[in-house]
């Protein structure tokens, strides 16, 4: 596939724009792709990345450089081609019933780079005429991502651990003042998701969680991304990465 852009938008955070009509036309919010890092990379396994959004014949990946794999990816330029498998997995269920009607009052909760798959959700809900409220948490203001983009789609409140943007504290501290939604969608580190799972259960709010997990194959063959559920195990790549919060054990 053809790379159109691989732009550094924040310290160690990049936006990769890839042209592929098939993925752009079939991807759903919450799905992901598996990226193969070509030579001279020493990596054998593909790397999973959430689909940040789609625009016409392109799809976008928002990623943070955290290891050697993403460091190699950050060096790709628009004159490079890239090997990508996708779209993969089961994404967010935006329809509130068997009709094509989307939820109208949605609360999004993101922790750090967990903001990546939620922008796709926000755009779909806003385009359908729904209301989007977004809570974004990070360690500091430099790690608050996509705030301006989400503000174009609805209201945004932020939290930082050092108090440099929004309230001082965790993103879950923002929940007490958030309007009660029809449904919540969340993505972020496991402790955050566990707190949101508890909040949603206590307040009787339907909630879907996008889990972050290491994946090798991305298609349910290697069985390396198992997560416990109420009645056994499911696989993040094949059955997820999105699960109903009352289904998984965190």
Protein backbone atom coordinates (compact mmCIF):
# COMPACT_ATOMS: atom_id res chain seq x y z
CA UNK A 1 0.00 0.00 0.00
CA UNK A 2 1.06 3.57 -0.61
CA UNK A 3 2.02 5.87 2.27
CA UNK A 4 0.74 9.41 1.76
CA UNK A 5 1.92 10.86 5.06
CA UNK A 6 3.80 9.84 8.19
CA UNK A 7 3.74 13.04 10.18
CA UNK A 8 5.09 13.73 13.64
CA UNK A 9 2.29 15.55 15.48
CA UNK A 10 3.66 15.43 19.03
CA UNK A 11 6.80 14.21 20.74
CA UNK A 12 6.98 10.49 19.85
CA UNK A 13 3.46 10.56 18.33
CA UNK A 14 2.87 10.14 14.60
CA UNK A 15 -0.06 10.12 12.17
CA UNK A 16 0.31 7.61 9.35
CA UNK A 17 -1.95 8.05 6.32
CA UNK A 18 -2.20 5.11 3.92
CA UNK A 19 -4.06 4.87 0.63
CA UNK A 20 -6.16 1.76 0.18
CA UNK A 21 -9.73 1.89 -1.09
CA UNK A 22 -10.68 -1.55 0.22
CA UNK A 23 -9.76 -0.90 3.84
CA UNK A 24 -11.08 2.66 3.72
CA UNK A 25 -14.46 1.50 2.38
CA UNK A 26 -14.94 -1.50 4.68
CA UNK A 27 -13.33 -0.52 8.00
CA UNK A 28 -15.56 -0.02 11.04
CA UNK A 29 -14.77 1.99 14.18
CA UNK A 30 -12.76 -0.12 16.61
CA UNK A 31 -11.20 -2.42 14.04
CA UNK A 32 -7.45 -2.63 13.56
CA UNK A 33 -4.77 -3.50 11.02
CA UNK A 34 -1.59 -5.56 11.25
CA UNK A 35 1.51 -3.81 9.89
CA UNK A 36 4.53 -5.69 8.58
CA UNK A 37 7.83 -3.88 9.04
CA UNK A 38 9.94 -4.58 5.98
CA UNK A 39 13.71 -4.90 5.65
CA UNK A 40 16.05 -3.69 7.01
CA UNK A 41 13.79 -4.31 9.99
CA UNK A 42 14.66 -7.42 11.99
CA UNK A 43 11.06 -7.98 13.07
CA UNK A 44 9.14 -11.11 12.09
CA UNK A 45 5.70 -10.44 13.62
CA UNK A 46 3.29 -7.80 12.42
CA UNK A 47 2.33 -4.94 14.72
CA UNK A 48 -1.36 -4.17 15.45
CA UNK A 49 -2.67 -0.61 15.20
CA UNK A 50 -6.17 0.78 15.62
CA UNK A 51 -7.77 2.49 12.65
CA UNK A 52 -7.94 6.13 13.72
CA UNK A 53 -10.34 7.22 10.96
CA UNK A 54 -11.00 6.93 7.24
CA UNK A 55 -11.24 9.66 4.62
CA UNK A 56 -12.26 8.82 1.06
CA UNK A 57 -9.68 6.26 -0.16
CA UNK A 58 -7.35 6.57 2.84
CA UNK A 59 -7.19 5.28 6.39
CA UNK A 60 -5.23 6.82 9.25
CA UNK A 61 -3.19 5.28 12.07
CA UNK A 62 -2.32 7.32 15.15
CA UNK A 63 0.59 5.74 17.01
CA UNK A 64 3.17 6.41 19.67
CA UNK A 65 6.82 5.40 19.43
CA UNK A 66 7.35 3.10 22.44
CA UNK A 67 9.75 0.44 21.15
CA UNK A 68 11.96 -0.62 18.27
CA UNK A 69 9.03 -1.58 16.04
CA UNK A 70 7.27 1.77 16.19
CA UNK A 71 10.65 3.51 15.94
CA UNK A 72 11.22 1.77 12.61
CA UNK A 73 7.70 2.66 11.47
CA UNK A 74 8.25 6.34 12.31
CA UNK A 75 11.10 6.44 9.79
CA UNK A 76 8.85 5.45 6.86
CA UNK A 77 8.32 8.21 4.31
CA UNK A 78 5.74 8.80 1.54
CA UNK A 79 8.06 7.20 -1.01
CA UNK A 80 7.84 3.89 0.88
CA UNK A 81 5.24 1.18 0.36
CA UNK A 82 3.91 -0.67 3.38
CA UNK A 83 2.49 -4.17 3.88
CA UNK A 84 -0.75 -4.07 5.88
CA UNK A 85 -3.37 -6.73 6.66
CA UNK A 86 -6.88 -5.56 7.52
CA UNK A 87 -9.38 -4.49 8.54
CA UNK A 88 -9.38 -7.03 11.37
CA UNK A 89 -11.39 -7.79 14.49
CA UNK A 90 -14.80 -6.75 15.72
CA UNK A 91 -15.27 -3.06 16.36
CA UNK A 92 -17.69 -0.95 18.36
CA UNK A 93 -21.40 -1.60 17.99
CA UNK A 94 -22.78 1.85 17.24
CA UNK A 95 -26.34 0.73 16.52
CA UNK A 96 -28.60 0.77 19.56
CA UNK A 97 -30.91 -1.89 18.12
CA UNK A 98 -31.37 -4.00 15.03
CA UNK A 99 -32.14 -0.91 12.97
CA UNK A 100 -29.48 1.27 11.40
CA UNK A 101 -30.03 3.99 13.99
CA UNK A 102 -26.92 4.98 15.92
CA UNK A 103 -26.86 5.92 19.60
CA UNK A 104 -27.67 9.60 20.01
CA UNK A 105 -25.96 10.43 23.32
CA UNK A 106 -22.48 8.97 23.65
CA UNK A 107 -19.68 9.34 26.19
CA UNK A 108 -16.14 8.54 25.04
CA UNK A 109 -13.35 7.95 27.57
CA UNK A 110 -9.72 7.78 26.48
CA UNK A 111 -6.46 7.31 28.31
CA UNK A 112 -3.29 8.37 26.50
CA UNK A 113 -2.88 6.78 23.07
CA UNK A 114 -6.20 5.02 23.76
CA UNK A 115 -7.71 8.03 22.00
CA UNK A 116 -6.70 6.45 18.67
CA UNK A 117 -9.80 4.33 17.85
CA UNK A 118 -12.32 6.71 19.42
CA UNK A 119 -12.05 9.48 16.83
CA UNK A 120 -13.58 7.13 14.24
CA UNK A 121 -16.48 6.54 16.66
CA UNK A 122 -16.95 10.26 17.33
CA UNK A 123 -17.11 11.10 13.62
CA UNK A 124 -19.72 8.42 12.93
CA UNK A 125 -21.95 9.50 15.83
CA UNK A 126 -21.67 13.20 14.99
CA UNK A 127 -22.39 12.58 11.30
CA UNK A 128 -25.54 10.68 12.29
CA UNK A 129 -26.79 13.66 14.31
CA UNK A 130 -25.82 12.35 17.73
CA UNK A 131 -24.17 14.10 20.66
CA UNK A 132 -20.60 13.25 21.59
CA UNK A 133 -19.00 14.03 24.95
CA UNK A 134 -15.33 13.08 25.24
CA UNK A 135 -13.11 12.68 28.30
CA UNK A 136 -9.36 12.57 27.63
CA UNK A 137 -6.74 11.77 30.23
CA UNK A 138 -2.95 11.73 30.09
CA UNK A 139 0.14 12.25 32.21
CA UNK A 140 0.60 15.87 31.06
CA UNK A 141 -0.67 18.38 28.51
CA UNK A 142 1.86 17.28 25.89
CA UNK A 143 0.26 13.84 25.90
CA UNK A 144 -3.31 15.08 25.47
CA UNK A 145 -3.97 14.04 21.87
CA UNK A 146 -6.54 15.11 19.29
CA UNK A 147 -8.30 17.55 21.64
CA UNK A 148 -8.96 20.09 18.89
CA UNK A 149 -10.35 17.43 16.54
CA UNK A 150 -12.78 16.15 19.17
CA UNK A 151 -13.88 19.69 20.03
CA UNK A 152 -15.16 20.02 16.46
CA UNK A 153 -17.44 17.04 17.09
CA UNK A 154 -18.73 17.77 20.60
CA UNK A 155 -17.68 18.72 24.11
CA UNK A 156 -14.30 17.74 25.54
CA UNK A 157 -13.01 17.62 29.11
CA UNK A 158 -9.46 16.70 30.03
CA UNK A 159 -7.44 15.54 33.00
CA UNK A 160 -3.70 15.33 33.54
CA UNK A 161 -1.77 13.74 36.35
CA UNK A 162 0.31 16.91 36.82
CA UNK A 163 -2.60 19.33 36.37
CA UNK A 164 -1.12 20.97 33.27
CA UNK A 165 -4.35 20.55 31.25
CA UNK A 166 -7.87 20.25 32.64
CA UNK A 167 -8.30 18.92 36.16
CA UNK A 168 -5.46 17.36 38.09
CA UNK A 169 -6.10 13.65 38.41
CA UNK A 170 -7.17 10.67 36.34
CA UNK A 171 -9.62 10.64 33.46
CA UNK A 172 -12.00 8.58 35.59
CA UNK A 173 -12.20 11.56 37.98
CA UNK A 174 -14.10 13.38 35.24
CA UNK A 175 -16.93 10.84 35.26
CA UNK A 176 -18.67 12.29 38.31
CA UNK A 177 -19.50 15.52 36.43
CA UNK A 178 -20.18 13.96 33.04
CA UNK A 179 -23.78 13.86 31.78
CA UNK A 180 -25.28 10.37 31.83
CA UNK A 181 -25.13 8.91 28.31
CA UNK A 182 -27.01 6.19 26.50
CA UNK A 183 -23.72 4.32 26.18
CA UNK A 184 -20.02 4.62 26.91
CA UNK A 185 -17.08 3.69 24.69
CA UNK A 186 -13.59 3.53 26.16
CA UNK A 187 -10.01 2.67 25.31
CA UNK A 188 -6.88 2.95 27.43
CA UNK A 189 -4.71 1.13 29.95
CA UNK A 190 -6.16 -1.81 31.87
CA UNK A 191 -6.52 -0.03 35.27
CA UNK A 192 -8.54 2.72 33.60
CA UNK A 193 -10.78 0.23 31.82
CA UNK A 194 -11.36 -1.66 35.06
CA UNK A 195 -12.47 1.55 36.78
CA UNK A 196 -14.80 2.39 33.89
CA UNK A 197 -16.20 -1.13 33.96
CA UNK A 198 -17.07 -0.65 37.64
CA UNK A 199 -18.56 2.81 37.01
CA UNK A 200 -20.72 1.60 34.13
CA UNK A 201 -22.00 -1.33 36.19
CA UNK A 202 -22.80 0.84 39.21
CA UNK A 203 -24.66 3.43 37.13
CA UNK A 204 -26.37 0.91 34.81
CA UNK A 205 -24.80 2.36 31.66
CA UNK A 206 -24.09 0.08 28.69
CA UNK A 207 -20.39 0.21 27.95
CA UNK A 208 -18.00 -1.14 25.34
CA UNK A 209 -14.26 -1.42 25.97
CA UNK A 210 -11.48 -1.62 23.40
CA UNK A 211 -8.73 -3.77 24.90
CA UNK A 212 -5.04 -3.20 24.31
CA UNK A 213 -3.18 -6.48 23.90
CA UNK A 214 -0.08 -7.94 22.25
CA UNK A 215 -1.07 -9.79 19.08
CA UNK A 216 1.04 -12.04 16.91
CA UNK A 217 -1.17 -13.24 14.06
CA UNK A 218 -4.16 -10.90 14.38
CA UNK A 219 -6.59 -13.50 13.01
CA UNK A 220 -7.12 -15.96 15.87
CA UNK A 221 -4.65 -18.67 14.89
CA UNK A 222 -1.81 -18.30 17.39
CA UNK A 223 -4.17 -17.99 20.42
CA UNK A 224 -1.74 -15.63 22.11
CA UNK A 225 -4.14 -12.83 23.01
CA UNK A 226 -6.66 -14.68 25.17
CA UNK A 227 -8.61 -12.72 27.77
CA UNK A 228 -10.86 -14.18 30.47
CA UNK A 229 -14.59 -13.65 30.18
CA UNK A 230 -17.45 -14.80 32.38
CA UNK A 231 -17.67 -18.21 30.76
CA UNK A 232 -14.15 -19.00 29.64
CA UNK A 233 -11.85 -17.14 27.28
CA UNK A 234 -12.06 -15.11 24.10
CA UNK A 235 -9.38 -13.69 21.84
CA UNK A 236 -8.77 -9.98 21.48
CA UNK A 237 -7.86 -10.16 17.79
CA UNK A 238 -10.72 -12.41 16.65
CA UNK A 239 -13.55 -11.76 19.12
CA UNK A 240 -12.49 -8.19 19.98
CA UNK A 241 -10.69 -5.93 20.39
CA UNK A 242 -14.02 -4.44 21.52
CA UNK A 243 -16.03 -6.20 24.22
CA UNK A 244 -19.05 -5.30 26.30
CA UNK A 245 -17.80 -4.27 29.71
CA UNK A 246 -20.04 -6.73 31.57
CA UNK A 247 -18.57 -9.61 29.57
CA UNK A 248 -14.84 -9.43 30.25
CA UNK A 249 -12.89 -9.98 33.46
CA UNK A 250 -10.31 -7.24 33.95
